[in-house]
Amino acid sequence: MRVLLVEDDLRLTAALSTHLRRGGYEVRHARTAADGVRMAADADFVLLDLGLPDCDGLKALEQVRRVSTVPLIVVTARAGDVLKGLHRGADDYLVKPVRPDELLARMQAVVRRGARPARGQRVTAGDVVVDVPARRVTVAGRDVPLSRREFDVLAVLASRPGEVCAREEILLALWGDTSMSASRALNVHVRNIRGKTDRSWLVVTLVGTGYRLGDGPP
């Protein structure tokens, strides 16, 4: 797997590259946002720093997401920008200083989620169609691009239409834990799904319980 590391700190780059290569990954490096956006097209996985010298990493993330759904983890010292990264389509995040073993585990988890066999086929909710195997969502016939993680959340709900999915169940299925950081990320992705589809009813919140797929506008 070709991993693109977009990072301007050369010491950190050297350390992470060593661990990634030991893990069996081929590592490519970009020091600037411009190079990172250009090289992302040929990468199988992207690790993106937000503090880049030529451009804010959040803008680079937006540019990558306009053209690619490549698995991407934000690696940053800017803890306050984590939610912004998730809003813009990052699959996960790590706050520096990075523990290499945790980074490898997070990467493997993101890859497993993308490769998980889909349950069900096409699920319709109002004018929304969730095509789980094709990883495609349409609203009134219009394609709505979701990030990998946003689609994963929606796919869990679509695999059990009409049923309530416990919050802890979703967290364990997609994040592998029920930590506060994972819980906050789930909140962000649910808001993103509602916002991007412009269907606030699509994900119904059951306070204190979890979520279910909505069946149409109230």
C-alpha atoms as a PDB file:
ATOM      1  CA  MET A   1       0.000   0.000   0.000  1.00  0.00           C
ATOM      2  CA  ARG A   2       1.307   3.435  -0.986  1.00  0.00           C
ATOM      3  CA  VAL A   3       1.056   5.889   1.900  1.00  0.00           C
ATOM      4  CA  LEU A   4       1.473   9.591   1.254  1.00  0.00           C
ATOM      5  CA  LEU A   5       2.797  11.472   4.276  1.00  0.00           C
ATOM      6  CA  VAL A   6       2.159  15.212   3.936  1.00  0.00           C
ATOM      7  CA  GLU A   7       4.323  16.711   6.683  1.00  0.00           C
ATOM      8  CA  ASP A   8       6.862  19.548   6.794  1.00  0.00           C
ATOM      9  CA  ASP A   9       8.639  18.379   9.963  1.00  0.00           C
ATOM     10  CA  LEU A  10      11.486  16.298   8.580  1.00  0.00           C
ATOM     11  CA  ARG A  11      12.369  14.663  11.910  1.00  0.00           C
ATOM     12  CA  LEU A  12       8.791  13.475  12.396  1.00  0.00           C
ATOM     13  CA  THR A  13       8.657  12.403   8.769  1.00  0.00           C
ATOM     14  CA  ALA A  14      11.749  10.249   9.198  1.00  0.00           C
ATOM     15  CA  ALA A  15      10.426   8.614  12.369  1.00  0.00           C
ATOM     16  CA  LEU A  16       6.964   7.878  10.973  1.00  0.00           C
ATOM     17  CA  SER A  17       8.363   6.689   7.642  1.00  0.00           C
ATOM     18  CA  THR A  18      10.555   4.166   9.447  1.00  0.00           C
ATOM     19  CA  HIS A  19       7.588   2.707  11.338  1.00  0.00           C
ATOM     20  CA  LEU A  20       5.372   2.679   8.267  1.00  0.00           C
ATOM     21  CA  ARG A  21       7.972   0.836   6.206  1.00  0.00           C
ATOM     22  CA  ARG A  22       8.411  -1.681   9.011  1.00  0.00           C
ATOM     23  CA  GLY A  23       4.655  -2.172   8.834  1.00  0.00           C
ATOM     24  CA  GLY A  24       4.946  -3.085   5.159  1.00  0.00           C
ATOM     25  CA  TYR A  25       3.900   0.240   3.648  1.00  0.00           C
ATOM     26  CA  GLU A  26       5.525   2.095   0.770  1.00  0.00           C
ATOM     27  CA  VAL A  27       5.987   5.701   1.887  1.00  0.00           C
ATOM     28  CA  ARG A  28       5.921   8.813  -0.246  1.00  0.00           C
ATOM     29  CA  HIS A  29       6.501  12.259   1.210  1.00  0.00           C
ATOM     30  CA  ALA A  30       5.310  15.776   0.459  1.00  0.00           C
ATOM     31  CA  ARG A  31       6.399  18.843   2.455  1.00  0.00           C
ATOM     32  CA  THR A  32       3.801  21.247   1.052  1.00  0.00           C
ATOM     33  CA  ALA A  33       0.052  21.245   0.610  1.00  0.00           C
ATOM     34  CA  ALA A  34       0.416  21.782  -3.135  1.00  0.00           C
ATOM     35  CA  ASP A  35       2.585  18.696  -3.542  1.00  0.00           C
ATOM     36  CA  GLY A  36       0.333  16.723  -1.217  1.00  0.00           C
ATOM     37  CA  VAL A  37      -2.814  17.502  -3.208  1.00  0.00           C
ATOM     38  CA  ARG A  38      -1.039  16.634  -6.464  1.00  0.00           C
ATOM     39  CA  MET A  39       0.401  13.349  -5.154  1.00  0.00           C
ATOM     40  CA  ALA A  40      -2.786  12.212  -3.399  1.00  0.00           C
ATOM     41  CA  ALA A  41      -4.208  10.980  -6.706  1.00  0.00           C
ATOM     42  CA  ASP A  42      -1.639   8.164  -6.774  1.00  0.00           C
ATOM     43  CA  ALA A  43      -1.808   7.261  -3.075  1.00  0.00           C
ATOM     44  CA  ASP A  44      -3.695   4.449  -1.375  1.00  0.00           C
ATOM     45  CA  PHE A  45      -3.693   6.264   1.964  1.00  0.00           C
ATOM     46  CA  VAL A  46      -2.949   9.847   3.033  1.00  0.00           C
ATOM     47  CA  LEU A  47      -1.623  11.126   6.359  1.00  0.00           C
ATOM     48  CA  LEU A  48      -2.113  14.880   6.367  1.00  0.00           C
ATOM     49  CA  ASP A  49      -0.597  17.471   8.693  1.00  0.00           C
ATOM     50  CA  LEU A  50      -2.619  20.678   9.027  1.00  0.00           C
ATOM     51  CA  GLY A  51       0.284  23.058   9.712  1.00  0.00           C
ATOM     52  CA  LEU A  52       1.849  23.222   6.278  1.00  0.00           C
ATOM     53  CA  PRO A  53       4.086  26.090   5.071  1.00  0.00           C
ATOM     54  CA  ASP A  54       2.272  27.065   1.873  1.00  0.00           C
ATOM     55  CA  CYS A  55      -1.393  26.483   2.690  1.00  0.00           C
ATOM     56  CA  ASP A  56      -3.608  25.541   5.597  1.00  0.00           C
ATOM     57  CA  GLY A  57      -3.996  21.781   5.724  1.00  0.00           C
ATOM     58  CA  LEU A  58      -7.782  22.092   5.973  1.00  0.00           C
ATOM     59  CA  LYS A  59      -7.831  23.734   2.550  1.00  0.00           C
ATOM     60  CA  ALA A  60      -5.638  20.949   1.204  1.00  0.00           C
ATOM     61  CA  LEU A  61      -8.067  18.414   2.672  1.00  0.00           C
ATOM     62  CA  GLU A  62     -10.968  20.100   0.892  1.00  0.00           C
ATOM     63  CA  GLN A  63      -9.061  20.021  -2.391  1.00  0.00           C
ATOM     64  CA  VAL A  64      -8.283  16.319  -2.014  1.00  0.00           C
ATOM     65  CA  ARG A  65     -11.909  15.511  -1.172  1.00  0.00           C
ATOM     66  CA  ARG A  66     -13.188  17.276  -4.283  1.00  0.00           C
ATOM     67  CA  VAL A  67     -11.554  14.635  -6.445  1.00  0.00           C
ATOM     68  CA  SER A  68     -10.836  11.586  -4.272  1.00  0.00           C
ATOM     69  CA  THR A  69     -12.232   9.345  -1.528  1.00  0.00           C
ATOM     70  CA  VAL A  70      -8.764   8.044  -0.630  1.00  0.00           C
ATOM     71  CA  PRO A  71      -8.568   6.996   3.044  1.00  0.00           C
ATOM     72  CA  LEU A  72      -7.190   9.970   4.946  1.00  0.00           C
ATOM     73  CA  ILE A  73      -6.160  10.589   8.544  1.00  0.00           C
ATOM     74  CA  VAL A  74      -5.402  14.069   9.815  1.00  0.00           C
ATOM     75  CA  VAL A  75      -2.254  14.163  11.962  1.00  0.00           C
ATOM     76  CA  THR A  76      -1.982  17.501  13.710  1.00  0.00           C
ATOM     77  CA  ALA A  77      -0.823  19.446  16.737  1.00  0.00           C
ATOM     78  CA  ARG A  78      -3.881  21.679  16.335  1.00  0.00           C
ATOM     79  CA  ALA A  79      -6.316  19.801  18.552  1.00  0.00           C
ATOM     80  CA  GLY A  80      -8.863  22.575  18.133  1.00  0.00           C
ATOM     81  CA  ASP A  81      -9.124  21.854  14.395  1.00  0.00           C
ATOM     82  CA  VAL A  82      -9.901  18.149  14.715  1.00  0.00           C
ATOM     83  CA  LEU A  83     -13.658  18.600  14.266  1.00  0.00           C
ATOM     84  CA  LYS A  84     -13.065  20.883  11.288  1.00  0.00           C
ATOM     85  CA  GLY A  85     -11.025  18.106   9.692  1.00  0.00           C
ATOM     86  CA  LEU A  86     -13.807  15.594  10.233  1.00  0.00           C
ATOM     87  CA  HIS A  87     -16.332  18.048   8.786  1.00  0.00           C
ATOM     88  CA  ARG A  88     -14.207  18.321   5.657  1.00  0.00           C
ATOM     89  CA  GLY A  89     -14.021  14.578   5.099  1.00  0.00           C
ATOM     90  CA  ALA A  90     -11.142  13.143   7.116  1.00  0.00           C
ATOM     91  CA  ASP A  91     -11.710   9.510   8.061  1.00  0.00           C
ATOM     92  CA  ASP A  92      -9.945   9.817  11.398  1.00  0.00           C
ATOM     93  CA  TYR A  93      -7.442  11.960  13.253  1.00  0.00           C
ATOM     94  CA  LEU A  94      -4.482  11.802  15.596  1.00  0.00           C
ATOM     95  CA  VAL A  95      -3.192  14.637  17.754  1.00  0.00           C
ATOM     96  CA  LYS A  96       0.588  15.044  17.992  1.00  0.00           C
ATOM     97  CA  PRO A  97       2.750  13.717  19.514  1.00  0.00           C
ATOM     98  CA  VAL A  98       1.895  10.607  17.530  1.00  0.00           C
ATOM     99  CA  ARG A  99       2.406   7.116  18.871  1.00  0.00           C
ATOM    100  CA  PRO A 100       3.487   5.059  15.837  1.00  0.00           C
ATOM    101  CA  ASP A 101       1.735   1.891  17.007  1.00  0.00           C
ATOM    102  CA  GLU A 102      -1.532   3.785  17.419  1.00  0.00           C
ATOM    103  CA  LEU A 103      -1.116   5.328  13.976  1.00  0.00           C
ATOM    104  CA  LEU A 104      -0.715   1.907  12.369  1.00  0.00           C
ATOM    105  CA  ALA A 105      -3.746   0.594  14.271  1.00  0.00           C
ATOM    106  CA  ARG A 106      -5.877   3.551  13.214  1.00  0.00           C
ATOM    107  CA  MET A 107      -4.841   3.104   9.578  1.00  0.00           C
ATOM    108  CA  GLN A 108      -5.716  -0.578   9.669  1.00  0.00           C
ATOM    109  CA  ALA A 109      -9.100   0.228  11.217  1.00  0.00           C
ATOM    110  CA  VAL A 110      -9.919   2.738   8.460  1.00  0.00           C
ATOM    111  CA  VAL A 111      -8.959   0.208   5.785  1.00  0.00           C
ATOM    112  CA  ARG A 112     -11.060  -2.527   7.436  1.00  0.00           C
ATOM    113  CA  ARG A 113     -14.104  -0.281   7.522  1.00  0.00           C
ATOM    114  CA  GLY A 114     -13.781   0.451   3.829  1.00  0.00           C
ATOM    115  CA  ALA A 115     -13.413  -3.247   2.996  1.00  0.00           C
ATOM    116  CA  ARG A 116     -16.206  -4.494   5.263  1.00  0.00           C
ATOM    117  CA  PRO A 117     -18.784  -6.435   3.246  1.00  0.00           C
ATOM    118  CA  ALA A 118     -21.989  -4.479   2.882  1.00  0.00           C
ATOM    119  CA  ARG A 119     -25.218  -5.769   4.303  1.00  0.00           C
ATOM    120  CA  GLY A 120     -28.338  -5.313   2.233  1.00  0.00           C
ATOM    121  CA  GLN A 121     -28.654  -3.772  -1.192  1.00  0.00           C
ATOM    122  CA  ARG A 122     -30.528  -0.566  -1.991  1.00  0.00           C
ATOM    123  CA  VAL A 123     -32.499   1.075   0.791  1.00  0.00           C
ATOM    124  CA  THR A 124     -35.000   3.864   0.121  1.00  0.00           C
ATOM    125  CA  ALA A 125     -36.027   6.467   2.682  1.00  0.00           C
ATOM    126  CA  GLY A 126     -38.319   9.124   1.278  1.00  0.00           C
ATOM    127  CA  ASP A 127     -36.498  10.489  -1.765  1.00  0.00           C
ATOM    128  CA  VAL A 128     -33.143   9.229  -0.497  1.00  0.00           C
ATOM    129  CA  VAL A 129     -31.629   6.049  -1.922  1.00  0.00           C
ATOM    130  CA  VAL A 130     -28.720   4.414  -0.109  1.00  0.00           C
ATOM    131  CA  ASP A 131     -26.953   1.932  -2.396  1.00  0.00           C
ATOM    132  CA  VAL A 132     -24.814   0.126   0.152  1.00  0.00           C
ATOM    133  CA  PRO A 133     -22.722  -2.126  -2.143  1.00  0.00           C
ATOM    134  CA  ALA A 134     -22.016   0.772  -4.523  1.00  0.00           C
ATOM    135  CA  ARG A 135     -21.391   3.159  -1.612  1.00  0.00           C
ATOM    136  CA  ARG A 136     -23.639   5.710  -3.301  1.00  0.00           C
ATOM    137  CA  VAL A 137     -26.288   8.043  -1.945  1.00  0.00           C
ATOM    138  CA  THR A 138     -28.784   9.952  -4.058  1.00  0.00           C
ATOM    139  CA  VAL A 139     -31.371  12.535  -3.016  1.00  0.00           C
ATOM    140  CA  ALA A 140     -34.194  13.132  -5.493  1.00  0.00           C
ATOM    141  CA  GLY A 141     -31.987  11.479  -8.113  1.00  0.00           C
ATOM    142  CA  ARG A 142     -28.987  13.688  -7.342  1.00  0.00           C
ATOM    143  CA  ASP A 143     -25.719  12.137  -6.173  1.00  0.00           C
ATOM    144  CA  VAL A 144     -24.620  13.329  -2.749  1.00  0.00           C
ATOM    145  CA  PRO A 145     -20.911  12.793  -2.009  1.00  0.00           C
ATOM    146  CA  LEU A 146     -20.266  11.625   1.540  1.00  0.00           C
ATOM    147  CA  SER A 147     -16.918  10.921   3.149  1.00  0.00           C
ATOM    148  CA  ARG A 148     -15.998   7.290   3.741  1.00  0.00           C
ATOM    149  CA  ARG A 149     -16.847   7.516   7.430  1.00  0.00           C
ATOM    150  CA  GLU A 150     -20.103   9.383   6.854  1.00  0.00           C
ATOM    151  CA  PHE A 151     -21.195   6.676   4.448  1.00  0.00           C
ATOM    152  CA  ASP A 152     -20.162   3.960   6.907  1.00  0.00           C
ATOM    153  CA  VAL A 153     -22.431   5.487   9.574  1.00  0.00           C
ATOM    154  CA  LEU A 154     -25.334   5.713   7.133  1.00  0.00           C
ATOM    155  CA  ALA A 155     -24.709   2.170   5.893  1.00  0.00           C
ATOM    156  CA  VAL A 156     -24.965   0.782   9.426  1.00  0.00           C
ATOM    157  CA  LEU A 157     -28.388   2.392   9.795  1.00  0.00           C
ATOM    158  CA  ALA A 158     -29.483   1.394   6.280  1.00  0.00           C
ATOM    159  CA  SER A 159     -28.558  -2.223   6.946  1.00  0.00           C
ATOM    160  CA  ARG A 160     -31.304  -2.303   9.592  1.00  0.00           C
ATOM    161  CA  PRO A 161     -34.107  -0.027   8.358  1.00  0.00           C
ATOM    162  CA  GLY A 162     -36.757   0.603  10.958  1.00  0.00           C
ATOM    163  CA  GLU A 163     -34.553  -0.609  13.795  1.00  0.00           C
ATOM    164  CA  VAL A 164     -32.744   1.458  16.393  1.00  0.00           C
ATOM    165  CA  CYS A 165     -28.965   1.071  16.370  1.00  0.00           C
ATOM    166  CA  ALA A 166     -27.492   1.656  19.795  1.00  0.00           C
ATOM    167  CA  ARG A 167     -24.872   4.393  19.938  1.00  0.00           C
ATOM    168  CA  GLU A 168     -22.349   2.026  21.534  1.00  0.00           C
ATOM    169  CA  GLU A 169     -23.004  -0.526  18.803  1.00  0.00           C
ATOM    170  CA  ILE A 170     -22.188   1.992  16.068  1.00  0.00           C
ATOM    171  CA  LEU A 171     -19.065   3.169  17.872  1.00  0.00           C
ATOM    172  CA  LEU A 172     -17.771  -0.365  18.319  1.00  0.00           C
ATOM    173  CA  ALA A 173     -18.592  -1.345  14.733  1.00  0.00           C
ATOM    174  CA  LEU A 174     -16.886   1.653  13.127  1.00  0.00           C
ATOM    175  CA  TRP A 175     -14.322   2.921  15.642  1.00  0.00           C
ATOM    176  CA  GLY A 176     -13.672  -0.166  17.707  1.00  0.00           C
ATOM    177  CA  ASP A 177     -14.156   1.737  20.962  1.00  0.00           C
ATOM    178  CA  THR A 178     -16.619   3.947  22.830  1.00  0.00           C
ATOM    179  CA  SER A 179     -14.226   6.695  23.855  1.00  0.00           C
ATOM    180  CA  MET A 180     -15.276  10.321  24.123  1.00  0.00           C
ATOM    181  CA  SER A 181     -13.275  11.226  20.997  1.00  0.00           C
ATOM    182  CA  ALA A 182     -15.019   8.539  18.947  1.00  0.00           C
ATOM    183  CA  SER A 183     -18.381   9.643  20.332  1.00  0.00           C
ATOM    184  CA  ARG A 184     -17.728  13.254  19.348  1.00  0.00           C
ATOM    185  CA  ALA A 185     -16.683  12.122  15.872  1.00  0.00           C
ATOM    186  CA  LEU A 186     -19.946  10.185  15.494  1.00  0.00           C
ATOM    187  CA  ASN A 187     -21.889  13.341  16.389  1.00  0.00           C
ATOM    188  CA  VAL A 188     -20.034  15.262  13.687  1.00  0.00           C
ATOM    189  CA  HIS A 189     -20.665  12.626  11.027  1.00  0.00           C
ATOM    190  CA  VAL A 190     -24.385  12.462  11.820  1.00  0.00           C
ATOM    191  CA  ARG A 191     -24.624  16.258  11.462  1.00  0.00           C
ATOM    192  CA  ASN A 192     -22.704  16.074   8.197  1.00  0.00           C
ATOM    193  CA  ILE A 193     -25.041  13.417   6.789  1.00  0.00           C
ATOM    194  CA  ARG A 194     -28.083  15.548   7.589  1.00  0.00           C
ATOM    195  CA  GLY A 195     -26.459  18.672   6.206  1.00  0.00           C
ATOM    196  CA  LYS A 196     -25.050  17.209   2.990  1.00  0.00           C
ATOM    197  CA  THR A 197     -28.287  15.425   2.095  1.00  0.00           C
ATOM    198  CA  ASP A 198     -30.391  18.413   3.234  1.00  0.00           C
ATOM    199  CA  ARG A 199     -32.660  15.868   4.902  1.00  0.00           C
ATOM    200  CA  SER A 200     -32.671  16.500   8.639  1.00  0.00           C
ATOM    201  CA  TRP A 201     -35.057  13.557   9.105  1.00  0.00           C
ATOM    202  CA  LEU A 202     -32.732  11.020   7.491  1.00  0.00           C
ATOM    203  CA  VAL A 203     -30.976  10.121  10.744  1.00  0.00           C
ATOM    204  CA  VAL A 204     -33.335  10.047  13.717  1.00  0.00           C
ATOM    205  CA  THR A 205     -31.818  10.500  17.166  1.00  0.00           C
ATOM    206  CA  LEU A 206     -33.249   8.471  20.027  1.00  0.00           C
ATOM    207  CA  VAL A 207     -31.983  10.373  23.060  1.00  0.00           C
ATOM    208  CA  GLY A 208     -30.041   8.119  25.397  1.00  0.00           C
ATOM    209  CA  THR A 209     -30.333   5.169  23.007  1.00  0.00           C
ATOM    210  CA  GLY A 210     -28.932   5.654  19.523  1.00  0.00           C
ATOM    211  CA  TYR A 211     -30.055   6.312  15.963  1.00  0.00           C
ATOM    212  CA  ARG A 212     -32.271   4.865  13.268  1.00  0.00           C
ATOM    213  CA  LEU A 213     -32.795   5.561   9.575  1.00  0.00           C
ATOM    214  CA  GLY A 214     -35.694   7.925   9.016  1.00  0.00           C
ATOM    215  CA  ASP A 215     -38.449   6.866   6.622  1.00  0.00           C
ATOM    216  CA  GLY A 216     -39.422  10.268   5.268  1.00  0.00           C
ATOM    217  CA  PRO A 217     -40.179  13.850   6.208  1.00  0.00           C
ATOM    218  CA  PRO A 218     -42.503  14.371   9.175  1.00  0.00           C
END
